[in-house]
Amino acid sequence: MKARMENLRMTSDARRIGGTTVVGRVDRRACLALAACAWFAAAAPAWGQTFPSRPLKLVVPFPPGGSTDLLARRIGEKLAAALGQPVLVENRPGAGGATGSVEVARAAADGHTLLFGVTGTHAISPALNPKIGYDPRGDFAALSIVVSAPLVVVVRAESPHKTLADLLAWARANPERLTHGSPGNGTTMHLTGEMFALATGTKLTHVPYKGSAPATQDLLGGQIESMFGDLLVTLPLVQSGKLRALAVTSRQRNPLLPAVPTTAEAVPRELAEFEASSWQGLFVPAGTPPAVLERLNAEIVKALRAPDLKDFFAERGFVVEAKSLDDSRRFLEAEVAKWARIVKAVNPQVN
């Protein structure tokens, strides 16, 4: 009888735990829940204080020697000095950047494995291939969008098209006769040309190549009329007078091509909101503790604002973004949505 009365008391008594009233057998669960909350609250600062506890791995999902690899190594040097741990750059090329991206998405969410993602890996490829193996928003946390660069609408120097308005007028008068080359189906360059066609109501003919070099050679040779080209590839040819730059696809003019208008300036009626950029950013697996995200973002932004790194990027035509965690998340969401719309409208066939 005594035991029964004791059980009855435990199921009916109301107790105060941490200012919250709980009843009966819920007591133990409430205590555990409150204890867990208290532990996480106390652990958040601890994560920031103990991170990093070992060398960091920065995965570049492309071969060594490219612009992404070069940028990753320069930023890695700055992060290593700031964090007091080596930052080991590891190239994991394959499947257009998907191989390295999947590897990081499945890594431990502790901030010790980072990914240098780009427009292709985190905005375009998932739209092209829903079975790619990762979700750019659900499987990653964006630490910071690092840099961006516009594409450049270029024609050969002998072209009769002196301005972007000229090019557009000719395209309208000659449906499907204006050719634009790109490094391949589904690339940023290809889809930017398609976005231009959709925005202006024109029909262009896309000519895919296996890389920027053969596309540029055919542009120079007159086999194709135009290209929405990579700034780093086209800049030397524009500066040497072999190509004519009609517009840049960013919101602002690029410092390396100050006389070249933006697409919005060149064709304000149809292209007032037109923008396409090739951007690069740093990511970690989703679920990484907030304190670690904040620490990494702070060090990345600090590194990007260092005069030597700013000059290094500016000399190559990159605009330093150095976005906050929230701004990077919003930027990524907007980019994923934008390129998904273009992919759906165009339905490019990618081998």
Protein backbone atom coordinates (compact mmCIF):
# COMPACT_ATOMS: atom_id res chain seq x y z
CA MET A 1 0.00 0.00 0.00
CA LYS A 2 2.84 2.40 0.86
CA ALA A 3 4.50 1.79 -2.50
CA ARG A 4 1.23 2.33 -4.29
CA MET A 5 0.66 5.63 -2.46
CA GLU A 6 4.19 6.73 -3.36
CA ASN A 7 3.56 6.01 -7.08
CA LEU A 8 0.29 7.88 -6.91
CA ARG A 9 2.05 10.87 -5.37
CA MET A 10 4.70 10.88 -8.09
CA THR A 11 2.07 10.92 -10.84
CA SER A 12 -0.03 13.70 -9.35
CA ASP A 13 2.44 16.09 -7.71
CA ALA A 14 3.29 19.25 -9.62
CA ARG A 15 6.94 20.26 -9.29
CA ARG A 16 8.87 23.32 -10.26
CA ILE A 17 11.94 22.68 -12.41
CA GLY A 18 13.81 25.65 -13.75
CA GLY A 19 10.70 27.81 -13.48
CA THR A 20 8.56 25.30 -15.46
CA THR A 21 5.75 23.29 -13.89
CA VAL A 22 5.81 19.61 -14.81
CA VAL A 23 3.58 16.77 -13.65
CA GLY A 24 4.12 13.18 -12.70
CA ARG A 25 6.23 10.87 -14.80
CA VAL A 26 7.13 13.73 -17.13
CA ASP A 27 9.50 14.92 -14.37
CA ARG A 28 12.44 12.83 -15.47
CA ARG A 29 12.00 13.66 -19.16
CA ALA A 30 11.69 17.34 -18.41
CA CYS A 31 14.83 17.22 -16.35
CA LEU A 32 16.70 15.51 -19.16
CA ALA A 33 15.43 18.01 -21.73
CA LEU A 34 16.38 20.95 -19.57
CA ALA A 35 19.77 19.45 -18.91
CA ALA A 36 20.32 18.94 -22.65
CA CYS A 37 19.40 22.57 -23.38
CA ALA A 38 21.77 23.75 -20.70
CA TRP A 39 24.54 21.54 -22.12
CA PHE A 40 24.12 22.89 -25.65
CA ALA A 41 24.04 26.46 -24.38
CA ALA A 42 27.27 25.89 -22.52
CA ALA A 43 28.82 23.90 -25.39
CA ALA A 44 28.35 26.57 -28.07
CA PRO A 45 31.12 28.84 -26.74
CA ALA A 46 33.25 25.76 -26.07
CA TRP A 47 33.10 24.76 -29.74
CA GLY A 48 34.46 28.15 -30.69
CA GLN A 49 37.20 27.96 -28.07
CA THR A 50 38.42 24.47 -28.95
CA PHE A 51 38.14 24.80 -32.74
CA PRO A 52 40.23 23.92 -34.65
CA SER A 53 41.70 20.94 -32.84
CA ARG A 54 43.60 19.52 -35.83
CA PRO A 55 44.62 20.46 -39.41
CA LEU A 56 41.83 21.53 -41.75
CA LYS A 57 41.20 20.03 -45.18
CA LEU A 58 40.09 22.34 -47.97
CA VAL A 59 38.69 20.34 -50.88
CA VAL A 60 38.93 21.85 -54.37
CA PRO A 61 36.63 19.82 -56.66
CA PHE A 62 38.75 20.59 -59.73
CA PRO A 63 42.26 19.73 -60.96
CA PRO A 64 45.26 21.68 -59.65
CA GLY A 65 46.43 24.76 -61.51
CA GLY A 66 43.06 26.34 -62.27
CA SER A 67 41.73 29.61 -60.91
CA THR A 68 39.70 27.90 -58.17
CA ASP A 69 42.74 25.96 -57.02
CA LEU A 70 44.87 29.11 -57.03
CA LEU A 71 42.34 31.10 -55.00
CA ALA A 72 41.86 28.26 -52.52
CA ARG A 73 45.58 28.03 -51.82
CA ARG A 74 45.95 31.76 -51.23
CA ILE A 75 42.99 31.84 -48.84
CA GLY A 76 44.17 28.62 -47.19
CA GLU A 77 47.48 30.29 -46.33
CA LYS A 78 45.66 33.14 -44.60
CA LEU A 79 43.33 30.82 -42.69
CA ALA A 80 46.21 28.64 -41.51
CA ALA A 81 47.98 31.66 -40.04
CA ALA A 82 44.81 32.90 -38.35
CA LEU A 83 43.62 29.55 -37.00
CA GLY A 84 46.99 28.18 -35.90
CA GLN A 85 46.48 24.93 -37.81
CA PRO A 86 47.62 23.86 -41.29
CA VAL A 87 45.03 24.09 -44.07
CA LEU A 88 45.69 21.24 -46.48
CA VAL A 89 44.33 21.81 -49.99
CA GLU A 90 43.16 18.57 -51.58
CA ASN A 91 42.13 18.41 -55.24
CA ARG A 92 39.22 16.02 -55.82
CA PRO A 93 38.19 16.53 -59.48
CA GLY A 94 35.51 14.57 -61.24
CA ALA A 95 31.93 14.81 -62.54
CA GLY A 96 32.11 18.58 -62.99
CA GLY A 97 32.92 19.15 -59.33
CA ALA A 98 30.39 16.68 -57.94
CA THR A 99 32.98 14.17 -56.70
CA GLY A 100 34.61 16.59 -54.28
CA SER A 101 31.29 18.16 -53.32
CA VAL A 102 29.76 14.82 -52.33
CA GLU A 103 32.84 14.00 -50.27
CA VAL A 104 32.52 17.18 -48.22
CA ALA A 105 28.74 16.84 -47.87
CA ARG A 106 29.31 13.48 -46.18
CA ALA A 107 32.20 14.62 -43.98
CA ALA A 108 31.95 15.21 -40.24
CA ALA A 109 30.16 18.47 -39.50
CA ASP A 110 32.87 19.85 -37.22
CA GLY A 111 34.41 22.59 -39.39
CA HIS A 112 37.60 20.71 -40.22
CA THR A 113 36.56 19.88 -43.80
CA LEU A 114 35.79 22.75 -46.17
CA LEU A 115 34.80 22.93 -49.83
CA PHE A 116 35.65 25.59 -52.39
CA GLY A 117 32.41 25.59 -54.35
CA VAL A 118 31.52 27.57 -57.47
CA THR A 119 28.49 28.60 -59.51
CA GLY A 120 28.54 25.28 -61.33
CA THR A 121 28.73 23.00 -58.31
CA HIS A 122 26.26 24.84 -56.12
CA ALA A 123 23.78 26.53 -58.44
CA ILE A 124 23.78 24.93 -61.90
CA SER A 125 24.79 21.26 -61.66
CA PRO A 126 22.12 20.27 -59.11
CA ALA A 127 19.46 21.74 -61.44
CA LEU A 128 20.90 19.85 -64.41
CA ASN A 129 21.14 16.57 -62.53
CA PRO A 130 18.74 16.00 -59.63
CA LYS A 131 20.57 12.74 -58.88
CA ILE A 132 23.91 14.47 -58.43
CA GLY A 133 24.21 13.18 -54.86
CA TYR A 134 23.92 16.35 -52.80
CA ASP A 135 21.63 19.30 -52.14
CA PRO A 136 23.54 22.62 -52.27
CA ARG A 137 21.25 24.14 -49.64
CA GLY A 138 20.36 21.16 -47.46
CA ASP A 139 23.77 19.45 -47.31
CA PHE A 140 26.00 22.51 -46.89
CA ALA A 141 26.36 25.65 -44.82
CA ALA A 142 27.77 28.58 -46.77
CA LEU A 143 30.66 30.15 -44.87
CA SER A 144 31.12 33.05 -47.28
CA ILE A 145 30.79 33.87 -50.93
CA VAL A 146 34.42 34.75 -51.56
CA VAL A 147 34.74 36.38 -54.99
CA SER A 148 32.78 36.90 -58.17
CA ALA A 149 33.57 37.89 -61.73
CA PRO A 150 31.28 38.86 -64.59
CA LEU A 151 31.12 37.21 -67.96
CA VAL A 152 31.99 39.35 -70.97
CA VAL A 153 29.95 39.50 -74.16
CA VAL A 154 32.61 39.45 -76.86
CA VAL A 155 32.82 39.43 -80.65
CA ARG A 156 35.88 39.39 -82.87
CA ALA A 157 37.51 42.75 -83.61
CA GLU A 158 36.34 42.72 -87.25
CA SER A 159 32.68 42.16 -86.30
CA PRO A 160 30.19 44.72 -87.61
CA HIS A 161 28.54 44.72 -84.18
CA LYS A 162 29.97 47.70 -82.30
CA THR A 163 27.62 47.59 -79.30
CA LEU A 164 25.41 45.09 -77.53
CA ALA A 165 22.40 46.94 -78.94
CA ASP A 166 23.78 46.30 -82.45
CA LEU A 167 24.18 42.61 -81.68
CA LEU A 168 20.65 42.38 -80.30
CA ALA A 169 19.14 44.18 -83.29
CA TRP A 170 20.86 41.80 -85.70
CA ALA A 171 19.73 38.77 -83.66
CA ARG A 172 16.13 39.96 -83.84
CA ALA A 173 16.32 40.53 -87.56
CA ASN A 174 17.98 37.14 -88.12
CA PRO A 175 16.41 34.54 -85.79
CA GLU A 176 18.72 31.65 -84.90
CA ARG A 177 21.54 32.97 -87.07
CA LEU A 178 23.48 34.56 -84.23
CA THR A 179 25.79 31.88 -82.86
CA HIS A 180 27.32 31.92 -79.41
CA GLY A 181 29.98 29.47 -78.31
CA SER A 182 30.69 28.08 -74.85
CA PRO A 183 32.95 25.53 -73.11
CA GLY A 184 30.05 23.05 -73.17
CA ASN A 185 26.36 22.40 -72.60
CA GLY A 186 25.17 23.43 -69.16
CA THR A 187 28.13 25.68 -68.36
CA THR A 188 27.68 29.15 -66.91
CA MET A 189 28.68 30.62 -70.28
CA HIS A 190 26.10 28.55 -72.15
CA LEU A 191 23.26 29.29 -69.75
CA THR A 192 24.07 33.00 -69.58
CA GLY A 193 23.63 33.17 -73.34
CA GLU A 194 20.30 31.37 -72.96
CA MET A 195 19.27 33.75 -70.19
CA PHE A 196 20.08 36.66 -72.53
CA ALA A 197 17.92 35.13 -75.25
CA LEU A 198 15.00 34.61 -72.85
CA ALA A 199 15.26 38.15 -71.48
CA THR A 200 15.32 39.74 -74.94
CA GLY A 201 12.90 37.39 -76.71
CA THR A 202 15.47 36.35 -79.29
CA LYS A 203 16.52 32.97 -80.67
CA LEU A 204 20.24 32.25 -80.70
CA THR A 205 22.14 29.18 -81.79
CA HIS A 206 24.41 27.66 -79.17
CA VAL A 207 27.63 25.96 -80.29
CA PRO A 208 29.17 23.85 -77.49
CA TYR A 209 32.89 23.10 -77.34
CA LYS A 210 35.06 21.00 -75.07
CA GLY A 211 36.56 23.89 -73.14
CA SER A 212 37.07 27.64 -73.47
CA ALA A 213 40.20 27.42 -75.62
CA PRO A 214 38.61 25.85 -78.75
CA ALA A 215 35.55 28.09 -78.42
CA THR A 216 37.76 31.17 -78.29
CA GLN A 217 39.81 30.00 -81.27
CA ASP A 218 36.69 29.58 -83.38
CA LEU A 219 35.46 33.01 -82.31
CA LEU A 220 38.75 34.52 -83.42
CA GLY A 221 38.56 32.57 -86.66
CA GLY A 222 35.01 33.70 -87.46
CA GLN A 223 33.36 30.29 -87.15
CA ILE A 224 31.05 31.67 -84.44
CA GLU A 225 29.74 35.19 -83.98
CA SER A 226 29.85 35.77 -80.23
CA MET A 227 30.57 34.38 -76.80
CA PHE A 228 29.57 35.05 -73.23
CA GLY A 229 33.13 34.49 -72.14
CA ASP A 230 35.03 34.03 -68.92
CA LEU A 231 36.71 37.29 -67.92
CA LEU A 232 40.11 35.71 -67.29
CA VAL A 233 40.08 34.02 -70.70
CA THR A 234 38.82 36.94 -72.77
CA LEU A 235 40.57 39.84 -71.03
CA PRO A 236 44.03 39.44 -72.66
CA LEU A 237 42.41 39.17 -76.11
CA VAL A 238 40.29 42.26 -75.48
CA GLN A 239 43.32 44.19 -74.26
CA SER A 240 45.35 43.12 -77.31
CA GLY A 241 42.58 44.23 -79.68
CA LYS A 242 41.75 40.78 -81.03
CA LEU A 243 38.30 40.71 -79.43
CA ARG A 244 35.79 43.50 -78.81
CA ALA A 245 33.98 43.55 -75.45
CA LEU A 246 30.39 44.72 -75.80
CA ALA A 247 29.24 44.39 -72.19
CA VAL A 248 29.89 42.77 -68.82
CA THR A 249 27.11 40.80 -67.16
CA SER A 250 27.55 42.24 -63.64
CA ARG A 251 25.61 45.02 -61.95
CA GLN A 252 28.66 47.27 -61.91
CA ARG A 253 31.42 47.81 -64.43
CA ASN A 254 34.55 45.78 -63.90
CA PRO A 255 37.69 47.70 -62.87
CA LEU A 256 39.77 45.89 -65.50
CA LEU A 257 37.34 46.96 -68.25
CA PRO A 258 36.15 50.36 -67.03
CA ALA A 259 35.05 51.55 -70.49
CA VAL A 260 32.85 48.49 -71.11
CA PRO A 261 29.22 49.00 -70.07
CA THR A 262 27.13 46.54 -68.10
CA THR A 263 24.37 44.69 -69.93
CA ALA A 264 21.84 46.86 -68.07
CA GLU A 265 23.56 50.02 -69.30
CA ALA A 266 23.87 48.73 -72.87
CA VAL A 267 20.25 47.55 -73.23
CA PRO A 268 18.34 49.12 -70.33
CA ARG A 269 14.82 48.27 -71.47
CA GLU A 270 15.14 44.48 -71.62
CA LEU A 271 18.19 43.91 -69.45
CA ALA A 272 17.66 46.27 -66.52
CA GLU A 273 17.67 43.32 -64.08
CA PHE A 274 20.07 41.10 -66.01
CA GLU A 275 22.96 39.73 -63.97
CA ALA A 276 25.14 36.65 -64.27
CA SER A 277 28.40 36.03 -62.51
CA SER A 278 30.93 33.33 -62.01
CA TRP A 279 31.34 33.17 -58.24
CA GLN A 280 33.31 31.08 -55.78
CA GLY A 281 32.65 30.41 -52.11
CA LEU A 282 33.59 28.36 -49.08
CA PHE A 283 31.26 25.72 -47.64
CA VAL A 284 31.17 23.17 -44.81
CA PRO A 285 28.77 20.28 -44.14
CA ALA A 286 25.34 21.19 -42.83
CA GLY A 287 25.04 20.83 -39.07
CA THR A 288 28.40 22.43 -38.30
CA PRO A 289 28.08 24.20 -34.90
CA PRO A 290 27.12 27.88 -35.13
CA ALA A 291 30.17 28.98 -33.13
CA VAL A 292 32.45 27.26 -35.66
CA LEU A 293 30.60 28.85 -38.57
CA GLU A 294 30.99 32.28 -37.00
CA ARG A 295 34.68 31.75 -36.32
CA LEU A 296 35.40 30.59 -39.86
CA ASN A 297 33.35 33.37 -41.43
CA ALA A 298 35.14 36.00 -39.36
CA GLU A 299 38.57 34.71 -40.38
CA ILE A 300 37.59 34.37 -44.05
CA VAL A 301 36.22 37.91 -44.21
CA LYS A 302 39.31 39.23 -42.43
CA ALA A 303 41.58 37.40 -44.89
CA LEU A 304 39.69 38.69 -47.92
CA ARG A 305 39.99 42.26 -46.71
CA ALA A 306 43.76 42.05 -46.28
CA PRO A 307 45.38 44.48 -48.77
CA ASP A 308 47.65 41.87 -50.36
CA LEU A 309 44.78 39.46 -51.02
CA LYS A 310 42.49 42.23 -52.29
CA ASP A 311 45.19 43.30 -54.75
CA PHE A 312 45.78 39.68 -55.80
CA PHE A 313 42.09 39.25 -56.64
CA ALA A 314 41.71 42.66 -58.30
CA GLU A 315 44.61 42.00 -60.64
CA ARG A 316 42.70 38.96 -61.93
CA GLY A 317 39.39 40.72 -62.38
CA PHE A 318 37.69 39.29 -59.30
CA VAL A 319 35.39 41.33 -57.10
CA VAL A 320 35.86 40.49 -53.42
CA GLU A 321 32.50 39.60 -51.89
CA ALA A 322 33.40 38.58 -48.30
CA LYS A 323 29.75 38.02 -47.43
CA SER A 324 28.39 37.31 -43.95
CA LEU A 325 26.81 33.98 -43.07
CA ASP A 326 23.27 35.29 -43.57
CA ASP A 327 24.09 37.14 -46.78
CA SER A 328 25.86 34.07 -48.17
CA ARG A 329 22.85 31.89 -47.39
CA ARG A 330 20.47 34.32 -49.08
CA PHE A 331 22.78 34.71 -52.07
CA LEU A 332 23.00 30.94 -52.53
CA GLU A 333 19.23 30.51 -52.33
CA ALA A 334 18.73 33.20 -54.97
CA GLU A 335 21.35 31.70 -57.28
CA VAL A 336 19.93 28.18 -56.99
CA ALA A 337 16.45 29.49 -57.83
CA LYS A 338 17.67 31.65 -60.73
CA TRP A 339 19.67 28.97 -62.52
CA ALA A 340 16.99 26.35 -61.90
CA ARG A 341 14.54 28.56 -63.80
CA ILE A 342 16.95 28.88 -66.73
CA VAL A 343 17.67 25.15 -66.82
CA LYS A 344 13.95 24.35 -66.75
CA ALA A 345 13.25 26.79 -69.57
CA VAL A 346 16.13 25.65 -71.78
CA ASN A 347 16.34 21.94 -70.84
CA PRO A 348 19.95 21.60 -72.01
CA GLN A 349 21.13 18.12 -72.97
CA VAL A 350 24.24 17.35 -70.95
CA ASN A 351 26.21 14.18 -71.57
